[in-house]
Amino acid sequence: MLRMIKMPDENQKIRKREEIARLAERLHREGKKIVTCNGSYDLLHIGHIKFLQEARAQGDVLIVGVNSNASVKKYKGKNRPIVDELMRAEGVAALQCVDYVVIMDEAEIAVPLVKMVKPDVHVNGEEYGKDCIEAPAVKEAGGRLHLVKKVPGFSTTELIGRIVTIFGKNKTNNK
């Protein structure tokens, strides 16, 4: 019986940390403008999509750090994430504007990602401001920070709240 051996796919978007480091070095040598951003991307929604599209517009290659299950639990609480890290990474990777995805274990911060990739641009939500925790690492890498306005009414926490309000009241009608 013939067995198919799966060869590594150079076009695969979800990469291990070590691969992202090597990839970033190669992209810098090629003169590509690298953009990074990060988040949990739990319950992927239009706010995430608009954020990632704007991030991608800042350069040639977008590398997204997706927070691991453990890191999301640390800063969002024991009931989060709702969606597993691999499923969240696949959802983000499925977007045309995203070039590469790496799962990060650091709680909420992308400082190690920024130090590893040395992006030309790091994108963050406007609510974190110019003095966000990643700012010194971005400056040290010679990059700039780009802040994106939040899409009103669209955050995972707000969506969860709406779901609980709608379905929590009508438990008997939700079969």
Protein backbone atom coordinates (compact mmCIF):
# COMPACT_ATOMS: atom_id res chain seq x y z
CA MET A 1 0.00 0.00 0.00
CA LEU A 2 1.32 3.44 -0.96
CA ARG A 3 1.63 5.87 1.97
CA MET A 4 1.51 9.57 1.37
CA ILE A 5 4.09 11.48 3.37
CA LYS A 6 3.14 15.04 4.06
CA MET A 7 5.98 17.34 3.11
CA PRO A 8 6.43 20.67 4.90
CA ASP A 9 4.38 23.32 3.16
CA GLU A 10 6.36 26.51 2.60
CA ASN A 11 3.08 28.29 1.97
CA GLN A 12 1.62 27.31 5.34
CA LYS A 13 0.67 30.43 7.26
CA ILE A 14 0.76 29.08 10.82
CA ARG A 15 4.38 28.80 11.86
CA LYS A 16 6.39 27.88 14.94
CA ARG A 17 8.27 30.58 16.77
CA GLU A 18 11.68 29.47 15.42
CA GLU A 19 10.34 29.49 11.87
CA ILE A 20 8.98 33.02 12.31
CA ALA A 21 12.40 34.22 13.50
CA ARG A 22 14.15 32.75 10.43
CA LEU A 23 11.39 33.97 8.14
CA ALA A 24 11.66 37.52 9.51
CA GLU A 25 15.43 37.51 8.93
CA ARG A 26 14.89 36.42 5.33
CA LEU A 27 12.15 39.00 4.75
CA HIS A 28 14.39 41.78 6.11
CA ARG A 29 17.20 40.69 3.75
CA GLU A 30 14.71 40.83 0.86
CA GLY A 31 13.81 44.41 1.80
CA LYS A 32 10.22 43.61 2.76
CA LYS A 33 8.38 45.95 5.12
CA ILE A 34 7.25 43.72 8.02
CA VAL A 35 4.20 44.48 10.15
CA THR A 36 3.31 42.73 13.41
CA CYS A 37 0.27 42.75 15.66
CA ASN A 38 -1.20 40.44 18.25
CA GLY A 39 -4.36 39.45 20.09
CA SER A 40 -6.49 36.58 21.26
CA TYR A 41 -8.95 36.72 18.33
CA ASP A 42 -11.54 34.77 20.31
CA LEU A 43 -14.86 34.80 18.37
CA LEU A 44 -13.39 36.38 15.25
CA HIS A 45 -15.55 39.38 14.24
CA ILE A 46 -15.63 42.46 12.00
CA GLY A 47 -13.59 44.51 14.49
CA HIS A 48 -10.76 41.98 14.20
CA ILE A 49 -11.03 41.85 10.42
CA LYS A 50 -10.93 45.65 9.99
CA PHE A 51 -7.98 45.83 12.43
CA LEU A 52 -6.03 43.16 10.53
CA GLN A 53 -6.80 44.73 7.15
CA GLU A 54 -5.51 48.10 8.34
CA ALA A 55 -2.45 46.40 9.84
CA ARG A 56 -1.67 44.70 6.52
CA ALA A 57 -1.98 48.02 4.68
CA GLN A 58 1.04 49.28 6.68
CA GLY A 59 3.56 47.05 4.90
CA ASP A 60 4.40 44.09 2.69
CA VAL A 61 4.04 41.20 5.15
CA LEU A 62 1.73 40.86 8.17
CA ILE A 63 2.80 38.53 11.00
CA VAL A 64 0.10 38.03 13.63
CA GLY A 65 0.73 36.75 17.13
CA VAL A 66 -2.25 34.80 18.48
CA ASN A 67 -2.29 34.44 22.25
CA SER A 68 -2.22 30.85 23.52
CA ASN A 69 -5.06 29.39 25.59
CA ALA A 70 -2.98 29.75 28.77
CA SER A 71 -2.12 33.40 28.10
CA VAL A 72 -5.75 34.31 27.33
CA LYS A 73 -6.86 32.68 30.59
CA LYS A 74 -4.31 34.77 32.49
CA TYR A 75 -5.71 38.10 31.34
CA LYS A 76 -9.32 37.34 30.33
CA GLY A 77 -10.29 34.92 33.11
CA LYS A 78 -10.98 31.23 33.61
CA ASN A 79 -13.88 31.05 31.14
CA ARG A 80 -11.80 32.26 28.21
CA PRO A 81 -10.89 31.59 25.54
CA ILE A 82 -14.08 30.24 24.10
CA VAL A 83 -12.30 28.97 21.00
CA ASP A 84 -9.11 26.86 21.19
CA GLU A 85 -5.79 28.47 20.16
CA LEU A 86 -5.32 26.29 17.07
CA MET A 87 -8.83 27.09 15.82
CA ARG A 88 -8.27 30.81 16.49
CA ALA A 89 -4.92 30.68 14.67
CA GLU A 90 -6.56 28.93 11.70
CA GLY A 91 -9.35 31.53 11.61
CA VAL A 92 -6.83 34.38 11.51
CA ALA A 93 -4.65 32.57 8.97
CA ALA A 94 -7.66 32.10 6.69
CA LEU A 95 -7.87 35.86 6.15
CA GLN A 96 -6.30 37.07 2.91
CA CYS A 97 -4.69 40.06 4.64
CA VAL A 98 -2.67 37.83 7.00
CA ASP A 99 0.61 36.36 5.80
CA TYR A 100 1.82 34.43 8.86
CA VAL A 101 0.53 33.47 12.30
CA VAL A 102 2.43 32.38 15.40
CA ILE A 103 0.93 31.27 18.72
CA MET A 104 2.36 33.20 21.67
CA ASP A 105 2.44 32.11 25.31
CA GLU A 106 3.14 35.54 26.78
CA ALA A 107 0.18 36.99 28.65
CA GLU A 108 -1.32 39.73 26.48
CA ILE A 109 1.96 41.34 25.40
CA ALA A 110 3.78 41.12 22.11
CA VAL A 111 7.18 42.34 23.34
CA PRO A 112 8.91 39.00 22.62
CA LEU A 113 7.31 38.90 19.15
CA VAL A 114 8.51 42.45 18.43
CA LYS A 115 12.03 41.67 19.67
CA MET A 116 12.16 38.50 17.57
CA VAL A 117 10.72 39.91 14.32
CA LYS A 118 12.00 43.53 14.55
CA PRO A 119 9.05 44.85 12.55
CA ASP A 120 9.06 48.04 10.58
CA VAL A 121 5.59 48.65 12.00
CA HIS A 122 3.79 47.22 15.03
CA VAL A 123 0.03 47.73 15.04
CA ASN A 124 -2.03 48.06 18.18
CA GLY A 125 -5.50 49.19 19.14
CA GLU A 126 -5.87 52.92 19.72
CA GLU A 127 -7.16 52.20 23.23
CA TYR A 128 -3.63 51.08 24.24
CA GLY A 129 -2.09 54.40 23.13
CA LYS A 130 1.37 55.44 21.97
CA ASP A 131 2.79 54.42 25.36
CA CYS A 132 1.66 50.79 25.06
CA ILE A 133 3.86 48.11 26.57
CA GLU A 134 5.32 47.20 23.14
CA ALA A 135 6.37 50.79 22.31
CA PRO A 136 9.95 50.63 23.72
CA ALA A 137 10.66 47.33 21.90
CA VAL A 138 9.27 48.76 18.64
CA LYS A 139 11.46 51.86 18.98
CA GLU A 140 14.51 49.72 19.85
CA ALA A 141 13.89 47.66 16.69
CA GLY A 142 13.83 50.87 14.65
CA GLY A 143 10.15 50.51 13.82
CA ARG A 144 7.10 52.66 14.31
CA LEU A 145 3.82 52.12 16.11
CA HIS A 146 0.54 52.39 14.22
CA LEU A 147 -2.70 52.68 16.21
CA VAL A 148 -6.06 51.50 14.85
CA LYS A 149 -9.43 52.89 15.95
CA LYS A 150 -11.79 50.34 17.42
CA VAL A 151 -14.96 49.45 15.49
CA PRO A 152 -17.70 50.66 17.86
CA GLY A 153 -19.78 47.89 19.41
CA PHE A 154 -17.46 45.10 18.31
CA SER A 155 -15.31 43.43 20.89
CA THR A 156 -15.44 39.80 21.93
CA THR A 157 -16.46 40.84 25.45
CA GLU A 158 -19.36 42.92 24.08
CA LEU A 159 -20.44 40.06 21.82
CA ILE A 160 -20.39 37.60 24.72
CA GLY A 161 -22.46 40.06 26.74
CA ARG A 162 -25.06 40.30 23.96
CA ILE A 163 -25.21 36.52 23.60
CA VAL A 164 -25.71 36.07 27.35
CA THR A 165 -28.41 38.76 27.39
CA ILE A 166 -30.30 37.24 24.47
CA PHE A 167 -29.96 33.58 25.34
CA GLY A 168 -29.68 33.86 29.12
CA LYS A 169 -33.21 35.31 29.36
CA ASN A 170 -34.80 32.67 27.15
CA LYS A 171 -33.17 29.46 28.33
CA THR A 172 -36.37 27.46 27.77
CA ASN A 173 -36.68 28.73 24.19
CA ASN A 174 -33.12 27.83 23.19
CA LYS A 175 -33.30 24.14 22.39
